[in-house]
Structure formats: structure tokens, C-alpha cells
C-alpha atoms as a PDB file:
ATOM      1  CA  UNK A   1      73.261  35.911  95.106  1.00  0.00           C
ATOM      2  CA  UNK A   2      69.564  35.252  94.544  1.00  0.00           C
ATOM      3  CA  UNK A   3      67.928  32.466  96.491  1.00  0.00           C
ATOM      4  CA  UNK A   4      67.220  29.318  94.461  1.00  0.00           C
ATOM      5  CA  UNK A   5      63.442  28.893  94.641  1.00  0.00           C
ATOM      6  CA  UNK A   6      63.393  25.664  92.645  1.00  0.00           C
ATOM      7  CA  UNK A   7      62.409  27.075  89.261  1.00  0.00           C
ATOM      8  CA  UNK A   8      64.486  26.507  86.146  1.00  0.00           C
ATOM      9  CA  UNK A   9      67.191  23.932  85.447  1.00  0.00           C
ATOM     10  CA  UNK A  10      70.402  25.571  86.722  1.00  0.00           C
ATOM     11  CA  UNK A  11      71.925  25.849  83.288  1.00  0.00           C
ATOM     12  CA  UNK A  12      74.457  28.326  84.659  1.00  0.00           C
ATOM     13  CA  UNK A  13      75.986  25.541  86.771  1.00  0.00           C
ATOM     14  CA  UNK A  14      76.367  23.165  83.832  1.00  0.00           C
ATOM     15  CA  UNK A  15      79.751  21.939  82.630  1.00  0.00           C
ATOM     16  CA  UNK A  16      78.873  22.671  79.015  1.00  0.00           C
ATOM     17  CA  UNK A  17      82.296  21.805  77.501  1.00  0.00           C
ATOM     18  CA  UNK A  18      82.276  18.479  79.361  1.00  0.00           C
ATOM     19  CA  UNK A  19      78.771  17.683  78.152  1.00  0.00           C
ATOM     20  CA  UNK A  20      79.550  18.544  74.529  1.00  0.00           C
ATOM     21  CA  UNK A  21      82.628  16.326  74.635  1.00  0.00           C
ATOM     22  CA  UNK A  22      80.589  13.468  76.156  1.00  0.00           C
ATOM     23  CA  UNK A  23      78.019  13.539  73.333  1.00  0.00           C
ATOM     24  CA  UNK A  24      80.565  14.282  70.613  1.00  0.00           C
ATOM     25  CA  UNK A  25      78.987  17.550  69.498  1.00  0.00           C
ATOM     26  CA  UNK A  26      81.016  20.430  68.048  1.00  0.00           C
ATOM     27  CA  UNK A  27      78.357  22.205  65.984  1.00  0.00           C
ATOM     28  CA  UNK A  28      76.401  25.427  66.275  1.00  0.00           C
ATOM     29  CA  UNK A  29      75.176  26.364  69.766  1.00  0.00           C
ATOM     30  CA  UNK A  30      72.668  29.046  68.762  1.00  0.00           C
ATOM     31  CA  UNK A  31      69.195  28.324  70.210  1.00  0.00           C
ATOM     32  CA  UNK A  32      67.622  27.401  66.868  1.00  0.00           C
ATOM     33  CA  UNK A  33      65.848  24.361  65.452  1.00  0.00           C
ATOM     34  CA  UNK A  34      68.964  22.899  63.831  1.00  0.00           C
ATOM     35  CA  UNK A  35      70.890  22.991  67.097  1.00  0.00           C
ATOM     36  CA  UNK A  36      68.006  21.370  68.959  1.00  0.00           C
ATOM     37  CA  UNK A  37      67.790  18.520  66.452  1.00  0.00           C
ATOM     38  CA  UNK A  38      71.519  17.898  66.422  1.00  0.00           C
ATOM     39  CA  UNK A  39      71.948  17.990  70.201  1.00  0.00           C
ATOM     40  CA  UNK A  40      68.973  15.680  70.736  1.00  0.00           C
ATOM     41  CA  UNK A  41      70.443  13.144  68.306  1.00  0.00           C
ATOM     42  CA  UNK A  42      73.902  13.427  69.848  1.00  0.00           C
ATOM     43  CA  UNK A  43      72.558  12.914  73.377  1.00  0.00           C
ATOM     44  CA  UNK A  44      70.301   9.965  72.525  1.00  0.00           C
ATOM     45  CA  UNK A  45      72.992   8.080  70.615  1.00  0.00           C
ATOM     46  CA  UNK A  46      75.809   8.758  73.094  1.00  0.00           C
ATOM     47  CA  UNK A  47      74.464   8.351  76.634  1.00  0.00           C
ATOM     48  CA  UNK A  48      72.701   5.033  77.336  1.00  0.00           C
ATOM     49  CA  UNK A  49      69.622   4.309  79.408  1.00  0.00           C
ATOM     50  CA  UNK A  50      70.233   2.206  82.526  1.00  0.00           C
ATOM     51  CA  UNK A  51      68.905   1.557  86.027  1.00  0.00           C
ATOM     52  CA  UNK A  52      71.958  -0.167  87.502  1.00  0.00           C
ATOM     53  CA  UNK A  53      72.366   2.045  90.576  1.00  0.00           C
ATOM     54  CA  UNK A  54      69.257   0.358  91.980  1.00  0.00           C
ATOM     55  CA  UNK A  55      70.780  -3.110  91.523  1.00  0.00           C
ATOM     56  CA  UNK A  56      74.027  -1.866  93.071  1.00  0.00           C
ATOM     57  CA  UNK A  57      72.275  -0.688  96.225  1.00  0.00           C
ATOM     58  CA  UNK A  58      72.724   3.051  95.764  1.00  0.00           C
ATOM     59  CA  UNK A  59      70.069   5.778  95.638  1.00  0.00           C
ATOM     60  CA  UNK A  60      69.434   7.492  92.297  1.00  0.00           C
ATOM     61  CA  UNK A  61      70.159  11.195  92.824  1.00  0.00           C
ATOM     62  CA  UNK A  62      68.819  13.599  90.200  1.00  0.00           C
ATOM     63  CA  UNK A  63      70.563  16.820  91.205  1.00  0.00           C
ATOM     64  CA  UNK A  64      72.561  18.461  88.434  1.00  0.00           C
ATOM     65  CA  UNK A  65      75.858  17.711  90.207  1.00  0.00           C
ATOM     66  CA  UNK A  66      74.954  14.037  90.489  1.00  0.00           C
ATOM     67  CA  UNK A  67      73.791  13.545  86.906  1.00  0.00           C
ATOM     68  CA  UNK A  68      76.845  15.364  85.528  1.00  0.00           C
ATOM     69  CA  UNK A  69      79.165  13.224  87.649  1.00  0.00           C
ATOM     70  CA  UNK A  70      77.515  10.028  86.429  1.00  0.00           C
ATOM     71  CA  UNK A  71      76.329  10.676  82.860  1.00  0.00           C
ATOM     72  CA  UNK A  72      78.982  13.159  81.728  1.00  0.00           C
ATOM     73  CA  UNK A  73      82.186  12.361  83.589  1.00  0.00           C
ATOM     74  CA  UNK A  74      81.854   8.575  83.757  1.00  0.00           C
ATOM     75  CA  UNK A  75      81.063   5.853  81.232  1.00  0.00           C
ATOM     76  CA  UNK A  76      77.588   5.408  82.652  1.00  0.00           C
ATOM     77  CA  UNK A  77      74.013   6.242  81.726  1.00  0.00           C
ATOM     78  CA  UNK A  78      70.790   6.794  83.612  1.00  0.00           C
ATOM     79  CA  UNK A  79      67.034   6.682  83.388  1.00  0.00           C
ATOM     80  CA  UNK A  80      64.606   9.355  82.239  1.00  0.00           C
ATOM     81  CA  UNK A  81      64.792  11.715  85.230  1.00  0.00           C
ATOM     82  CA  UNK A  82      68.589  11.821  85.021  1.00  0.00           C
ATOM     83  CA  UNK A  83      68.713  12.276  81.236  1.00  0.00           C
ATOM     84  CA  UNK A  84      65.969  14.885  81.175  1.00  0.00           C
ATOM     85  CA  UNK A  85      67.453  16.800  84.125  1.00  0.00           C
ATOM     86  CA  UNK A  86      70.745  17.067  82.276  1.00  0.00           C
ATOM     87  CA  UNK A  87      69.290  17.936  78.865  1.00  0.00           C
ATOM     88  CA  UNK A  88      67.036  20.605  80.368  1.00  0.00           C
ATOM     89  CA  UNK A  89      70.074  22.323  81.868  1.00  0.00           C
ATOM     90  CA  UNK A  90      71.865  22.168  78.514  1.00  0.00           C
ATOM     91  CA  UNK A  91      68.977  23.707  76.590  1.00  0.00           C
ATOM     92  CA  UNK A  92      68.363  26.367  79.236  1.00  0.00           C
ATOM     93  CA  UNK A  93      72.052  27.294  79.163  1.00  0.00           C
ATOM     94  CA  UNK A  94      71.867  27.774  75.391  1.00  0.00           C
ATOM     95  CA  UNK A  95      68.793  30.003  75.584  1.00  0.00           C
ATOM     96  CA  UNK A  96      65.917  27.692  74.661  1.00  0.00           C
ATOM     97  CA  UNK A  97      62.562  27.988  76.437  1.00  0.00           C
ATOM     98  CA  UNK A  98      62.298  24.759  78.437  1.00  0.00           C
ATOM     99  CA  UNK A  99      59.307  23.298  80.300  1.00  0.00           C
ATOM    100  CA  UNK A 100      59.420  19.821  81.843  1.00  0.00           C
ATOM    101  CA  UNK A 101      56.470  17.449  81.519  1.00  0.00           C
ATOM    102  CA  UNK A 102      55.564  14.142  83.183  1.00  0.00           C
ATOM    103  CA  UNK A 103      54.302  11.170  81.213  1.00  0.00           C
ATOM    104  CA  UNK A 104      52.598   7.831  81.825  1.00  0.00           C
ATOM    105  CA  UNK A 105      54.285   4.876  80.119  1.00  0.00           C
ATOM    106  CA  UNK A 106      51.547   2.687  78.649  1.00  0.00           C
ATOM    107  CA  UNK A 107      53.219   0.476  75.997  1.00  0.00           C
ATOM    108  CA  UNK A 108      49.788  -0.203  74.535  1.00  0.00           C
ATOM    109  CA  UNK A 109      47.921  -0.712  77.811  1.00  0.00           C
ATOM    110  CA  UNK A 110      44.498   0.900  78.233  1.00  0.00           C
ATOM    111  CA  UNK A 111      44.928   1.115  82.019  1.00  0.00           C
ATOM    112  CA  UNK A 112      45.906   4.359  83.743  1.00  0.00           C
ATOM    113  CA  UNK A 113      49.588   4.180  84.651  1.00  0.00           C
ATOM    114  CA  UNK A 114      51.504   6.290  87.172  1.00  0.00           C
ATOM    115  CA  UNK A 115      53.566   9.271  86.015  1.00  0.00           C
ATOM    116  CA  UNK A 116      57.004   7.691  85.754  1.00  0.00           C
ATOM    117  CA  UNK A 117      58.478   9.381  82.693  1.00  0.00           C
ATOM    118  CA  UNK A 118      59.997  12.819  82.088  1.00  0.00           C
ATOM    119  CA  UNK A 119      59.931  14.815  78.840  1.00  0.00           C
ATOM    120  CA  UNK A 120      60.615  18.380  77.710  1.00  0.00           C
ATOM    121  CA  UNK A 121      58.461  20.961  75.910  1.00  0.00           C
ATOM    122  CA  UNK A 122      60.940  23.201  74.074  1.00  0.00           C
ATOM    123  CA  UNK A 123      60.765  26.371  71.983  1.00  0.00           C
ATOM    124  CA  UNK A 124      63.552  28.237  70.194  1.00  0.00           C
ATOM    125  CA  UNK A 125      63.252  31.802  71.558  1.00  0.00           C
ATOM    126  CA  UNK A 126      63.073  33.526  68.184  1.00  0.00           C
ATOM    127  CA  UNK A 127      60.154  31.573  66.723  1.00  0.00           C
ATOM    128  CA  UNK A 128      56.575  32.933  66.527  1.00  0.00           C
ATOM    129  CA  UNK A 129      54.314  31.817  69.371  1.00  0.00           C
ATOM    130  CA  UNK A 130      51.785  30.359  66.961  1.00  0.00           C
ATOM    131  CA  UNK A 131      54.328  27.852  65.646  1.00  0.00           C
ATOM    132  CA  UNK A 132      54.291  24.360  67.228  1.00  0.00           C
ATOM    133  CA  UNK A 133      56.692  23.679  70.084  1.00  0.00           C
ATOM    134  CA  UNK A 134      58.964  20.631  70.126  1.00  0.00           C
ATOM    135  CA  UNK A 135      58.806  17.509  72.304  1.00  0.00           C
ATOM    136  CA  UNK A 136      62.223  16.299  73.444  1.00  0.00           C
ATOM    137  CA  UNK A 137      62.373  12.743  74.756  1.00  0.00           C
ATOM    138  CA  UNK A 138      66.019  11.914  75.449  1.00  0.00           C
ATOM    139  CA  UNK A 139      65.342   9.722  78.490  1.00  0.00           C
ATOM    140  CA  UNK A 140      63.254   6.825  77.204  1.00  0.00           C
ATOM    141  CA  UNK A 141      66.169   4.920  75.756  1.00  0.00           C
ATOM    142  CA  UNK A 142      64.466   3.975  72.477  1.00  0.00           C
ATOM    143  CA  UNK A 143      64.301   7.260  70.616  1.00  0.00           C
ATOM    144  CA  UNK A 144      63.217   9.348  68.939  1.00  0.00           C
ATOM    145  CA  UNK A 145      66.550  10.384  67.493  1.00  0.00           C
ATOM    146  CA  UNK A 146      65.363  13.979  67.098  1.00  0.00           C
ATOM    147  CA  UNK A 147      62.617  16.057  68.741  1.00  0.00           C
ATOM    148  CA  UNK A 148      59.063  15.845  67.457  1.00  0.00           C
ATOM    149  CA  UNK A 149      56.834  18.789  66.594  1.00  0.00           C
ATOM    150  CA  UNK A 150      53.712  19.005  68.732  1.00  0.00           C
ATOM    151  CA  UNK A 151      51.395  18.662  65.752  1.00  0.00           C
ATOM    152  CA  UNK A 152      48.364  16.397  66.030  1.00  0.00           C
ATOM    153  CA  UNK A 153      48.742  13.287  63.871  1.00  0.00           C
ATOM    154  CA  UNK A 154      52.117  14.188  62.384  1.00  0.00           C
ATOM    155  CA  UNK A 155      54.148  11.086  61.526  1.00  0.00           C
ATOM    156  CA  UNK A 156      57.911  11.154  61.063  1.00  0.00           C
ATOM    157  CA  UNK A 157      60.484   8.572  60.055  1.00  0.00           C
ATOM    158  CA  UNK A 158      63.974   9.092  61.445  1.00  0.00           C
ATOM    159  CA  UNK A 159      66.559   6.778  59.862  1.00  0.00           C
ATOM    160  CA  UNK A 160      63.886   4.114  59.464  1.00  0.00           C
ATOM    161  CA  UNK A 161      62.337   4.517  62.948  1.00  0.00           C
ATOM    162  CA  UNK A 162      58.741   5.778  62.916  1.00  0.00           C
ATOM    163  CA  UNK A 163      57.066   8.039  65.490  1.00  0.00           C
ATOM    164  CA  UNK A 164      53.740   9.869  65.742  1.00  0.00           C
ATOM    165  CA  UNK A 165      52.303  12.450  68.115  1.00  0.00           C
ATOM    166  CA  UNK A 166      48.551  12.841  68.437  1.00  0.00           C
ATOM    167  CA  UNK A 167      46.003  14.373  70.737  1.00  0.00           C
ATOM    168  CA  UNK A 168      44.856  12.132  73.564  1.00  0.00           C
ATOM    169  CA  UNK A 169      41.623  10.295  72.888  1.00  0.00           C
ATOM    170  CA  UNK A 170      40.490   9.471  76.408  1.00  0.00           C
ATOM    171  CA  UNK A 171      41.826  11.982  78.907  1.00  0.00           C
ATOM    172  CA  UNK A 172      40.205  14.951  77.205  1.00  0.00           C
ATOM    173  CA  UNK A 173      36.779  13.294  77.596  1.00  0.00           C
ATOM    174  CA  UNK A 174      37.072  13.673  81.349  1.00  0.00           C
ATOM    175  CA  UNK A 175      39.297  16.743  81.461  1.00  0.00           C
ATOM    176  CA  UNK A 176      38.253  18.947  78.551  1.00  0.00           C
ATOM    177  CA  UNK A 177      40.591  21.780  79.572  1.00  0.00           C
ATOM    178  CA  UNK A 178      43.730  19.622  79.766  1.00  0.00           C
ATOM    179  CA  UNK A 179      45.866  19.301  76.638  1.00  0.00           C
ATOM    180  CA  UNK A 180      46.506  15.559  76.473  1.00  0.00           C
ATOM    181  CA  UNK A 181      48.918  13.944  74.020  1.00  0.00           C
ATOM    182  CA  UNK A 182      50.068  10.474  73.052  1.00  0.00           C
ATOM    183  CA  UNK A 183      53.434   9.401  71.636  1.00  0.00           C
ATOM    184  CA  UNK A 184      53.209   6.384  69.333  1.00  0.00           C
ATOM    185  CA  UNK A 185      56.046   4.326  67.901  1.00  0.00           C
ATOM    186  CA  UNK A 186      55.912   2.205  64.747  1.00  0.00           C
ATOM    187  CA  UNK A 187      55.746  -1.483  65.681  1.00  0.00           C
ATOM    188  CA  UNK A 188      55.293  -4.223  63.125  1.00  0.00           C
ATOM    189  CA  UNK A 189      52.440  -3.300  60.798  1.00  0.00           C
ATOM    190  CA  UNK A 190      50.904  -0.717  63.121  1.00  0.00           C
ATOM    191  CA  UNK A 191      51.505   1.785  65.900  1.00  0.00           C
ATOM    192  CA  UNK A 192      52.158   1.210  69.612  1.00  0.00           C
ATOM    193  CA  UNK A 193      51.093   3.894  72.089  1.00  0.00           C
ATOM    194  CA  UNK A 194      54.287   4.368  74.087  1.00  0.00           C
ATOM    195  CA  UNK A 195      53.258   6.979  76.599  1.00  0.00           C
ATOM    196  CA  UNK A 196      50.743   9.721  77.300  1.00  0.00           C
ATOM    197  CA  UNK A 197      51.363  13.148  78.786  1.00  0.00           C
ATOM    198  CA  UNK A 198      49.724  16.499  79.393  1.00  0.00           C
ATOM    199  CA  UNK A 199      51.143  19.992  79.003  1.00  0.00           C
ATOM    200  CA  UNK A 200      51.286  20.655  82.754  1.00  0.00           C
ATOM    201  CA  UNK A 201      54.586  22.084  83.972  1.00  0.00           C
ATOM    202  CA  UNK A 202      56.785  19.862  86.143  1.00  0.00           C
ATOM    203  CA  UNK A 203      59.608  21.132  88.360  1.00  0.00           C
ATOM    204  CA  UNK A 204      62.893  19.814  89.757  1.00  0.00           C
ATOM    205  CA  UNK A 205      61.264  18.875  93.056  1.00  0.00           C
ATOM    206  CA  UNK A 206      58.744  16.765  91.128  1.00  0.00           C
ATOM    207  CA  UNK A 207      61.630  14.867  89.539  1.00  0.00           C
ATOM    208  CA  UNK A 208      62.910  14.090  93.056  1.00  0.00           C
ATOM    209  CA  UNK A 209      59.547  12.700  94.150  1.00  0.00           C
ATOM    210  CA  UNK A 210      58.784  10.715  90.991  1.00  0.00           C
ATOM    211  CA  UNK A 211      62.309   9.327  90.772  1.00  0.00           C
ATOM    212  CA  UNK A 212      62.127   8.134  94.370  1.00  0.00           C
ATOM    213  CA  UNK A 213      59.051   6.045  93.540  1.00  0.00           C
ATOM    214  CA  UNK A 214      60.597   4.618  90.372  1.00  0.00           C
ATOM    215  CA  UNK A 215      63.835   3.651  92.122  1.00  0.00           C
ATOM    216  CA  UNK A 216      62.448   2.265  95.401  1.00  0.00           C
ATOM    217  CA  UNK A 217      58.901   0.955  94.999  1.00  0.00           C
ATOM    218  CA  UNK A 218      58.503  -2.841  94.712  1.00  0.00           C
ATOM    219  CA  UNK A 219      55.780  -2.050  92.147  1.00  0.00           C
ATOM    220  CA  UNK A 220      58.276  -0.289  89.900  1.00  0.00           C
ATOM    221  CA  UNK A 221      59.629  -2.442  87.046  1.00  0.00           C
ATOM    222  CA  UNK A 222      63.048  -0.894  87.582  1.00  0.00           C
ATOM    223  CA  UNK A 223      63.589  -2.344  91.062  1.00  0.00           C
ATOM    224  CA  UNK A 224      63.371  -5.984  90.006  1.00  0.00           C
ATOM    225  CA  UNK A 225      66.049  -6.478  87.346  1.00  0.00           C
ATOM    226  CA  UNK A 226      68.789  -4.671  85.433  1.00  0.00           C
ATOM    227  CA  UNK A 227      67.563  -2.831  82.357  1.00  0.00           C
ATOM    228  CA  UNK A 228      69.642  -0.976  79.776  1.00  0.00           C
ATOM    229  CA  UNK A 229      69.039   0.444  76.305  1.00  0.00           C
ATOM    230  CA  UNK A 230      71.310   1.911  73.650  1.00  0.00           C
ATOM    231  CA  UNK A 231      69.643   3.559  70.656  1.00  0.00           C
ATOM    232  CA  UNK A 232      71.378   4.429  67.402  1.00  0.00           C
ATOM    233  CA  UNK A 233      70.287   5.068  63.846  1.00  0.00           C
ATOM    234  CA  UNK A 234      70.717   1.406  62.916  1.00  0.00           C
ATOM    235  CA  UNK A 235      69.834  -0.569  66.058  1.00  0.00           C
ATOM    236  CA  UNK A 236      68.104  -0.610  69.425  1.00  0.00           C
ATOM    237  CA  UNK A 237      69.945  -2.747  71.950  1.00  0.00           C
ATOM    238  CA  UNK A 238      68.036  -3.785  75.059  1.00  0.00           C
ATOM    239  CA  UNK A 239      69.264  -5.703  78.074  1.00  0.00           C
ATOM    240  CA  UNK A 240      66.266  -6.856  80.115  1.00  0.00           C
ATOM    241  CA  UNK A 241      67.455  -8.935  83.045  1.00  0.00           C
ATOM    242  CA  UNK A 242      69.721 -11.441  81.298  1.00  0.00           C
ATOM    243  CA  UNK A 243      68.102 -11.224  77.843  1.00  0.00           C
ATOM    244  CA  UNK A 244      69.923  -9.195  75.212  1.00  0.00           C
ATOM    245  CA  UNK A 245      67.791  -8.117  72.232  1.00  0.00           C
ATOM    246  CA  UNK A 246      68.918  -6.214  69.150  1.00  0.00           C
ATOM    247  CA  UNK A 247      66.153  -4.709  66.966  1.00  0.00           C
ATOM    248  CA  UNK A 248      66.665  -3.068  63.566  1.00  0.00           C
ATOM    249  CA  UNK A 249      64.587  -0.293  61.963  1.00  0.00           C
ATOM    250  CA  UNK A 250      62.950  -2.844  59.638  1.00  0.00           C
ATOM    251  CA  UNK A 251      61.525  -4.666  62.669  1.00  0.00           C
ATOM    252  CA  UNK A 252      63.857  -7.659  62.538  1.00  0.00           C
ATOM    253  CA  UNK A 253      65.389  -8.690  65.846  1.00  0.00           C
ATOM    254  CA  UNK A 254      67.622 -11.248  67.497  1.00  0.00           C
ATOM    255  CA  UNK A 255      68.089 -12.148  71.135  1.00  0.00           C
ATOM    256  CA  UNK A 256      70.068 -14.379  73.417  1.00  0.00           C
ATOM    257  CA  UNK A 257      70.155 -15.164  77.113  1.00  0.00           C
ATOM    258  CA  UNK A 258      73.333 -14.291  78.983  1.00  0.00           C
ATOM    259  CA  UNK A 259      74.916 -15.847  82.014  1.00  0.00           C
ATOM    260  CA  UNK A 260      75.147 -13.396  84.954  1.00  0.00           C
ATOM    261  CA  UNK A 261      78.939 -13.331  84.555  1.00  0.00           C
ATOM    262  CA  UNK A 262      78.558 -12.045  80.971  1.00  0.00           C
ATOM    263  CA  UNK A 263      76.632  -8.924  81.967  1.00  0.00           C
ATOM    264  CA  UNK A 264      79.505  -6.533  82.845  1.00  0.00           C
ATOM    265  CA  UNK A 265      81.345  -7.264  79.590  1.00  0.00           C
ATOM    266  CA  UNK A 266      78.163  -6.988  77.524  1.00  0.00           C
ATOM    267  CA  UNK A 267      77.269  -3.678  79.147  1.00  0.00           C
ATOM    268  CA  UNK A 268      80.704  -2.278  78.336  1.00  0.00           C
ATOM    269  CA  UNK A 269      80.877  -3.621  74.778  1.00  0.00           C
ATOM    270  CA  UNK A 270      77.294  -3.111  73.564  1.00  0.00           C
ATOM    271  CA  UNK A 271      76.079  -0.204  75.711  1.00  0.00           C
ATOM    272  CA  UNK A 272      79.176   1.791  76.662  1.00  0.00           C
ATOM    273  CA  UNK A 273      78.395   1.255  80.363  1.00  0.00           C
ATOM    274  CA  UNK A 274      81.554   0.524  82.344  1.00  0.00           C
ATOM    275  CA  UNK A 275      81.178  -0.717  85.920  1.00  0.00           C
ATOM    276  CA  UNK A 276      84.017  -0.061  88.326  1.00  0.00           C
ATOM    277  CA  UNK A 277      85.526  -1.950  91.260  1.00  0.00           C
ATOM    278  CA  UNK A 278      83.063  -3.834  93.439  1.00  0.00           C
ATOM    279  CA  UNK A 279      80.158  -2.908  91.183  1.00  0.00           C
ATOM    280  CA  UNK A 280      81.032  -5.849  88.910  1.00  0.00           C
ATOM    281  CA  UNK A 281      80.556  -8.609  91.518  1.00  0.00           C
ATOM    282  CA  UNK A 282      77.625  -6.700  93.043  1.00  0.00           C
ATOM    283  CA  UNK A 283      75.691  -6.764  89.777  1.00  0.00           C
ATOM    284  CA  UNK A 284      76.484 -10.420  89.166  1.00  0.00           C
ATOM    285  CA  UNK A 285      75.363 -11.304  92.695  1.00  0.00           C
ATOM    286  CA  UNK A 286      72.109  -9.393  92.283  1.00  0.00           C
ATOM    287  CA  UNK A 287      71.224 -11.230  89.094  1.00  0.00           C
ATOM    288  CA  UNK A 288      72.360 -14.627  90.336  1.00  0.00           C
ATOM    289  CA  UNK A 289      70.656 -14.418  93.723  1.00  0.00           C
ATOM    290  CA  UNK A 290      67.574 -12.488  92.621  1.00  0.00           C
ATOM    291  CA  UNK A 291      67.589 -10.102  95.540  1.00  0.00           C
ATOM    292  CA  UNK A 292      68.851  -6.544  96.171  1.00  0.00           C
ATOM    293  CA  UNK A 293      72.206  -5.861  97.742  1.00  0.00           C
ATOM    294  CA  UNK A 294      72.346  -3.735 100.894  1.00  0.00           C
ATOM    295  CA  UNK A 295      71.608  -0.134  99.955  1.00  0.00           C
ATOM    296  CA  UNK A 296      74.116   2.630 100.588  1.00  0.00           C
ATOM    297  CA  UNK A 297      73.292   6.154 101.679  1.00  0.00           C
END
């Protein structure tokens, strides 16, 4: 058996039937554009975004075994490094050319942000090299529903949700040999820059390092409060602390503030996230007391 040097996504170790059942996909598995679109949509609309392990005092592990156990075999979700780790293994197993990328979440800010987001640069193997590759972003929690072509300025509307990819405006001024990109999302009457990224390859070990920062640093937004998202064609549901917001493709939204005791039921009903055993009182205690529980592991 060859030594694992850390390259690739271990698609051969993937429980593909279990994954396909989890996302409700029974279509074509050939490594072509149609399969990529359909799998991306199935993944995004089936497996929610959530950071609850941090609130529950457990480390976030991004090995393939760990993400399959949590995202595939249980009614749970994860954040970008978990989602992207899993989806990369799926696409690799099916024969797509997969390269991981790291992004900086800006949400409209002009400041340089740390690399805390994971994406995938994907090519069907039978397409000409001069055709644009695809950007897969299954781990942000708010779409897109389907992958986006890496074409400068191309705007797409997916079931009413608008997205645009464009070349970076600032990074290339300082780094002329780095291919910088921005992902924008339609917001109100304009566009919101959601994150920036470059086409530099990222590896599994990089996911370990970046995920550790996101899940443990007091400067990380994910260590301070529970956060969950569920994205579908007709709604984006967001739980931010105790505030539940539902946004529609037309921009209309509604929100309400929950009591800590309402969180487990809301997560199960609106997000498909089912907490088990002592995790229910642990989450309630975290939100009520405003401090982390004792970490395990």
C-alpha cells in the first residue's frame, strides 16, 4: 500500500452510497457538468451549516472519517472545512479534477481578512483546458445552489438568488502574478462582496491548520455564539446566537428572538440539526451563561 503523503482527498475511502442517500441524489454519476451541478445543489440544500461542536466543548475534526460520521451518518452539519473536505472526496471519487482553495470572508469590508473559508476549483476531466473551470462553494451556508463558472464578470441567477464572480481589483495591484477573484452576492439593489480568493492550491493539512484557528481563536466569530444556516431554493434560514432570520430570494425577510430553551427544537425543525443526549442542555447552558463549556479531547 502506498504511503499517504497528504495529497488528494481520499475519495477511495468515501462511503459514496451513504453520502448519496444523505443528500437525496440518485442521478448520473459520470464526471460531467450536469452531475457537478446536481450534486452541488443536492449537497447545499441537504446538509446545513453549523458551528455547534465549538459551543458543545468538542474539537472540530476535519478528517474524512470524522466529517462522514458527523455530516453523513448523523443529522448534523458543519462549517466550510468539513463540507468542503467531504465534497472534495466525493468529486475526486467520481473522477473530477479537484483543487482546494482558501478564501477571505469580507462581507463588504475593505480590510484584509484572514483565510477562513474553503472552496473548490473543479474541472470535468473530458473538457478542453481552455474552457473555464468551476468554483464549488458548498461550505458557506448561503449558496450558491450550483457551481459558478470562473468567468470574469459573469452574473447568474439561481432560483432567484444572484451571484457574480469577477477578477480581484486590489490584490492584483500588489501581486500581479496572482490570479485573484471575488465572489459577490446580490443584496438589495446592488452587490455585496462575500469573499475573495486566489487560485493557489490548498491541501488537507492546510484545512487542519485553518480550521483550528476558526474553532479555537477568541478572534474567530465562530467561538462566541451558535451559528447555523440552511439554504434552499426558496429561503435562507440563519440562526445567529438567539436570532432566527428567514430571507427570501426577493430580499424580504423576517426575524425573531428565541429563548435559549427554544434553540434545540428550532435547530431540528428549521435546520435539520438534531442534538443528542447531553448536547441539548449543554447548548442551552452555553447560550444562557454566555461562556464555553469545558472542552473535551
